[in-house]
Protein backbone atom coordinates (compact mmCIF):
# COMPACT_ATOMS: atom_id res chain seq x y z
CA MET A 1 -133.29 -57.60 50.96
CA ALA A 2 -134.87 -54.70 52.25
CA HIS A 3 -135.28 -53.93 56.26
CA SER A 4 -138.47 -52.58 57.67
CA GLY A 5 -137.83 -53.16 61.12
CA PRO A 6 -136.23 -50.57 63.79
CA VAL A 7 -132.18 -50.12 62.90
CA SER A 8 -130.19 -51.70 66.32
CA TRP A 9 -127.70 -49.77 67.94
CA GLY A 10 -124.98 -52.07 66.52
CA SER A 11 -126.62 -51.26 62.85
CA ARG A 12 -126.05 -47.34 63.91
CA ALA A 13 -123.08 -47.95 65.15
CA ARG A 14 -121.19 -49.96 62.21
CA ALA A 15 -122.65 -47.22 59.78
CA ALA A 16 -121.06 -44.42 61.59
CA LEU A 17 -117.29 -46.32 61.39
CA LEU A 18 -118.10 -46.91 57.93
CA TYR A 19 -118.82 -43.46 57.23
CA ALA A 20 -116.07 -42.37 59.13
CA GLY A 21 -113.85 -44.42 57.46
CA LYS A 22 -110.33 -45.50 57.74
CA GLY A 23 -108.66 -45.77 61.41
CA ALA A 24 -112.29 -45.07 62.68
CA ALA A 25 -113.26 -46.26 66.26
CA LEU A 26 -116.17 -46.00 68.71
CA SER A 27 -115.06 -43.11 71.42
CA HIS A 28 -116.76 -41.79 74.28
CA ASP A 29 -120.08 -42.73 75.20
CA ALA A 30 -120.41 -45.57 72.67
CA ALA A 31 -116.91 -46.78 73.58
CA ALA A 32 -118.51 -46.88 76.98
CA PHE A 33 -121.67 -48.63 75.77
CA VAL A 34 -119.04 -51.34 74.21
CA HIS A 35 -117.29 -51.68 77.84
CA ARG A 36 -120.26 -51.98 79.73
CA SER A 37 -119.53 -49.00 81.79
CA ARG A 38 -122.80 -47.57 80.75
CA ALA A 39 -125.70 -49.14 81.27
CA THR A 40 -127.68 -47.67 78.24
CA PRO A 41 -127.16 -47.37 74.28
CA PRO A 42 -126.17 -43.42 73.62
CA ARG A 43 -128.32 -41.68 70.79
CA VAL A 44 -125.47 -39.62 69.00
CA ILE A 45 -122.53 -42.21 68.06
CA ASP A 46 -119.20 -40.77 68.93
CA VAL A 47 -116.28 -41.76 66.96
CA CYS A 48 -112.58 -41.19 66.89
CA ILE A 49 -110.83 -40.84 63.89
CA PRO A 50 -106.59 -39.62 63.00
CA PRO A 51 -105.71 -36.53 63.94
CA GLU A 52 -104.41 -36.07 60.33
CA ARG A 53 -108.09 -37.09 58.31
CA ARG A 54 -110.77 -34.75 58.12
CA VAL A 55 -114.72 -36.11 57.87
CA ARG A 56 -117.74 -33.65 57.53
CA PRO A 57 -120.08 -33.68 60.35
CA THR A 58 -123.71 -35.89 59.91
CA ARG A 59 -126.54 -36.23 61.77
CA GLY A 60 -126.61 -39.12 64.56
CA ILE A 61 -122.73 -38.79 64.31
CA ARG A 62 -120.29 -36.81 66.87
CA ILE A 63 -116.67 -36.88 65.11
CA HIS A 64 -113.49 -36.53 67.55
CA ARG A 65 -110.11 -36.70 66.10
CA GLY A 66 -107.25 -38.15 68.13
CA THR A 67 -104.60 -40.59 68.75
CA ALA A 68 -106.32 -43.26 71.51
CA VAL A 69 -105.17 -47.04 71.70
CA ILE A 70 -107.61 -48.65 69.77
CA HIS A 71 -108.63 -52.48 70.16
CA ARG A 72 -111.43 -54.70 68.81
CA ARG A 73 -114.31 -55.69 71.16
CA SER A 74 -117.70 -57.18 70.32
CA GLY A 75 -117.00 -57.18 66.73
CA PHE A 76 -115.84 -53.17 66.87
CA PRO A 77 -112.96 -51.34 66.79
CA VAL A 78 -112.97 -49.27 69.87
CA VAL A 79 -111.13 -46.60 72.00
CA ASN A 80 -109.69 -48.90 74.94
CA ARG A 81 -111.65 -48.48 78.32
CA ALA A 82 -108.32 -46.41 80.02
CA ASP A 83 -108.60 -43.80 76.91
CA THR A 84 -112.31 -43.87 77.45
CA ALA A 85 -112.71 -42.77 80.87
CA LEU A 86 -110.25 -40.16 80.10
CA ASP A 87 -112.35 -38.70 77.44
CA LEU A 88 -115.57 -38.98 79.30
CA LEU A 89 -113.53 -37.10 82.56
CA GLY A 90 -113.51 -34.08 80.05
CA ALA A 91 -116.63 -33.65 79.90
CA THR A 92 -117.85 -33.81 83.13
CA ARG A 93 -119.02 -30.85 85.41
CA SER A 94 -118.72 -31.85 88.89
CA ASP A 95 -116.45 -33.94 91.02
CA ASP A 96 -119.62 -36.51 91.39
CA GLU A 97 -119.46 -36.94 87.99
CA ALA A 98 -116.02 -37.73 87.65
CA VAL A 99 -115.98 -40.20 90.42
CA GLY A 100 -118.89 -41.86 88.84
CA VAL A 101 -117.18 -42.10 85.38
CA LEU A 102 -113.74 -43.38 87.01
CA CYS A 103 -115.69 -45.73 89.34
CA ALA A 104 -118.22 -47.06 86.63
CA ALA A 105 -114.50 -48.09 84.09
CA VAL A 106 -112.96 -49.92 87.05
CA ARG A 107 -116.00 -51.68 87.62
CA ALA A 108 -116.10 -52.87 84.03
CA GLY A 109 -112.43 -53.59 84.24
CA ALA A 110 -110.41 -50.35 83.98
CA ARG A 111 -107.45 -50.76 86.24
CA PRO A 112 -106.13 -47.49 87.51
CA SER A 113 -102.35 -47.84 86.05
CA GLU A 114 -104.22 -47.84 82.62
CA ILE A 115 -105.70 -44.84 83.38
CA LEU A 116 -102.94 -43.09 84.64
CA ASP A 117 -101.11 -44.21 81.57
CA ALA A 118 -103.37 -43.12 79.25
CA ALA A 119 -103.38 -39.73 81.39
CA GLU A 120 -99.69 -39.28 80.60
CA ARG A 121 -99.55 -40.49 77.14
CA ARG A 122 -102.21 -37.46 76.81
CA PRO A 123 -100.72 -34.44 78.48
CA THR A 124 -103.06 -32.29 77.08
CA ALA A 125 -106.33 -34.10 77.69
CA ARG A 126 -109.11 -32.43 79.41
CA GLY A 127 -109.85 -34.99 81.79
CA ARG A 128 -106.25 -35.40 82.81
CA ALA A 129 -105.64 -33.18 85.75
CA LEU A 130 -109.28 -34.70 86.93
CA ALA A 131 -107.95 -38.03 86.70
CA LEU A 132 -105.17 -37.59 88.38
CA GLU A 133 -106.58 -36.19 91.88
CA MET A 134 -109.43 -38.81 91.43
CA LEU A 135 -108.08 -41.86 90.88
CA GLY A 136 -106.27 -41.92 94.53
CA LEU A 137 -110.17 -42.50 96.02
CA VAL A 138 -110.97 -45.35 93.95
CA SER A 139 -107.54 -46.92 94.63
CA GLU A 140 -108.41 -46.99 98.15
CA GLY A 141 -111.64 -48.21 97.42
CA ILE A 142 -114.15 -45.86 96.85
CA GLU A 143 -116.72 -46.73 94.62
CA SER A 144 -119.18 -43.90 93.91
CA PRO A 145 -119.63 -40.28 94.03
CA LEU A 146 -121.79 -40.85 97.69
CA GLU A 147 -118.80 -42.54 98.99
CA MET A 148 -116.72 -39.78 97.72
CA ARG A 149 -118.56 -37.23 99.56
CA TYR A 150 -118.63 -39.16 103.17
CA HIS A 151 -114.95 -39.20 102.66
CA ARG A 152 -114.32 -35.90 101.72
CA ASP A 153 -117.16 -34.09 103.63
CA VAL A 154 -117.77 -36.22 106.64
CA GLU A 155 -114.24 -37.42 107.56
CA ARG A 156 -111.56 -35.67 106.22
CA ARG A 157 -113.37 -32.23 106.55
CA HIS A 158 -113.91 -32.95 110.21
CA ARG A 159 -110.49 -34.78 110.86
CA LEU A 160 -112.28 -38.11 111.63
CA PRO A 161 -110.71 -41.73 111.93
CA HIS A 162 -110.76 -42.83 107.97
CA ALA A 163 -112.81 -46.14 107.67
CA VAL A 164 -110.94 -49.11 105.83
CA LEU A 165 -113.01 -49.89 102.78
CA GLN A 166 -115.14 -52.53 100.96
CA GLU A 167 -113.92 -54.82 103.93
CA ARG A 168 -115.02 -58.49 103.48
CA GLN A 169 -116.14 -60.76 106.61
CA VAL A 170 -117.41 -63.65 107.61
CA VAL A 171 -121.09 -63.02 109.81
CA GLY A 172 -123.07 -65.56 110.48
CA GLY A 173 -121.13 -68.01 108.13
CA LEU A 174 -121.65 -66.11 104.94
CA TRP A 175 -119.46 -63.16 103.78
CA ILE A 176 -120.36 -59.98 103.35
CA ARG A 177 -118.92 -56.87 102.38
CA ALA A 178 -118.72 -53.46 104.40
CA ASP A 179 -118.94 -50.30 102.73
CA GLY A 180 -116.25 -49.01 105.66
CA VAL A 181 -115.20 -50.35 108.82
CA TYR A 182 -113.23 -48.08 111.18
CA PRO A 183 -110.83 -50.73 113.11
CA GLY A 184 -110.72 -51.49 116.49
CA LEU A 185 -113.83 -49.08 117.20
CA GLY A 186 -116.80 -51.51 116.29
CA VAL A 187 -118.60 -49.33 113.97
CA ARG A 188 -119.16 -49.72 110.62
CA ARG A 189 -120.82 -47.34 107.92
CA GLU A 190 -123.38 -48.25 104.79
CA LEU A 191 -124.18 -45.35 102.42
CA ASP A 192 -127.38 -46.82 100.64
CA GLY A 193 -126.83 -45.22 96.90
CA GLU A 194 -128.98 -45.36 94.12
CA VAL A 195 -126.50 -48.20 92.58
CA ALA A 196 -126.63 -50.66 95.21
CA HIS A 197 -129.64 -50.01 96.99
CA PRO A 198 -132.30 -48.66 94.14
CA GLY A 199 -135.16 -49.15 96.20
CA GLY A 200 -133.45 -48.33 99.85
CA ARG A 201 -132.50 -50.56 102.29
CA THR A 202 -133.18 -54.28 101.54
CA ASP A 203 -133.91 -56.99 103.45
CA ARG A 204 -130.39 -58.47 102.68
CA ASP A 205 -129.39 -55.15 104.50
CA ALA A 206 -131.26 -55.57 107.74
CA TRP A 207 -130.32 -59.08 108.19
CA ARG A 208 -126.44 -57.86 107.59
CA ASP A 209 -127.16 -54.79 110.05
CA ASN A 210 -128.74 -57.50 112.83
CA ALA A 211 -125.93 -60.23 112.58
CA VAL A 212 -123.37 -57.61 112.64
CA VAL A 213 -124.59 -56.78 116.05
CA ILE A 214 -125.12 -60.40 116.96
CA ALA A 215 -121.57 -61.84 116.09
CA ARG A 216 -119.53 -58.99 116.27
CA ARG A 217 -120.97 -56.51 118.81
CA GLU A 218 -120.54 -53.63 116.42
CA ILE A 219 -122.68 -50.38 115.51
CA THR A 220 -123.71 -50.33 111.83
CA LEU A 221 -124.40 -46.57 110.88
CA ARG A 222 -126.38 -46.73 107.55
CA TYR A 223 -126.97 -43.23 105.35
CA ARG A 224 -128.36 -42.24 102.25
CA TRP A 225 -127.62 -39.05 99.72
CA SER A 226 -129.80 -36.97 101.67
CA HIS A 227 -127.48 -37.32 104.77
CA VAL A 228 -124.26 -37.59 103.37
CA ALA A 229 -125.01 -34.75 100.44
CA GLY A 230 -127.24 -32.48 102.05
CA THR A 231 -126.59 -32.62 105.95
CA PRO A 232 -122.82 -33.59 106.44
CA CYS A 233 -121.93 -32.02 109.50
CA ARG A 234 -124.93 -33.19 111.24
CA THR A 235 -124.31 -36.52 109.54
CA THR A 236 -120.60 -36.22 111.36
CA VAL A 237 -122.07 -35.05 114.87
CA GLN A 238 -123.76 -39.04 114.68
CA VAL A 239 -120.57 -40.64 113.52
CA VAL A 240 -118.52 -39.15 116.38
CA ALA A 241 -121.06 -39.81 119.16
CA ALA A 242 -121.04 -43.37 117.99
CA LEU A 243 -117.19 -43.63 117.85
CA ARG A 244 -117.19 -41.76 121.26
CA SER A 245 -119.55 -44.72 122.20
CA GLN A 246 -117.16 -47.34 121.19
CA GLY A 247 -114.20 -45.74 122.96
CA TRP A 248 -112.69 -43.37 120.22
CA GLN A 249 -110.92 -40.35 122.34
CA GLY A 250 -109.76 -38.14 119.02
CA THR A 251 -110.88 -34.76 118.54
CA PRO A 252 -113.09 -33.71 115.74
CA HIS A 253 -112.89 -30.13 114.14
CA PRO A 254 -115.73 -28.36 112.70
CA CYS A 255 -115.43 -27.09 109.22
CA GLY A 256 -116.33 -24.04 109.50
CA PRO A 257 -118.45 -21.02 111.38
CA GLY A 258 -121.51 -22.92 112.43
CA CYS A 259 -120.91 -26.42 112.18
CA PRO A 260 -122.37 -28.31 115.02
CA VAL A 261 -119.34 -30.90 115.60
CA ARG A 262 -117.64 -30.28 118.48
């Protein structure tokens, strides 16, 4: 029977696997979509084949050769989540992209230890060094490029105390989760990225900030990408002022000439 409607992504993916032949599996962006660490289906279907085989390139299919671990998911043979994350890391162009790939993989169910194991199995993988460097941050609780920048450009470069990440507490009878809490100092910080806050600050965010002030007498500092990526030193000055108002007696350090942190 002829099919006259649009061809679904799943049908295209199955056709790509048939074209690639024995031992083929979805990989890279195609695998990320199947694993749900990528939200939209890629236009080009990435397929991994065993290293001893050769397949002629063709339009709409990108052929890779390798020895990744293959699982079956949603009816497809697919490179596992850890190897997929490592493959995608090799194509990133910045630390922000790298952290985004790792955070998406972990949110989709990949354990940092699995990605480290994949890196150990593949010593020549292009994304290996980046995985080893970034996974420590993800294991600490960093869940986005924005959080990585705050940790690196605000806290670490200016020698501030490190916030405890993804802290869960009961406030006003409800469980809430803070992006970061400075223990014993009555200061928390919330980072409004596009993933968690696509329209900016929400009514729930406002309620939570007010409830924290009432119940815990804590200050909530809320920052967006422009504050952390665009003016990290200026943001640090405000964080230091909040910490000092709550009793912090540490010494911040300027990150370089012209830095306003004193």
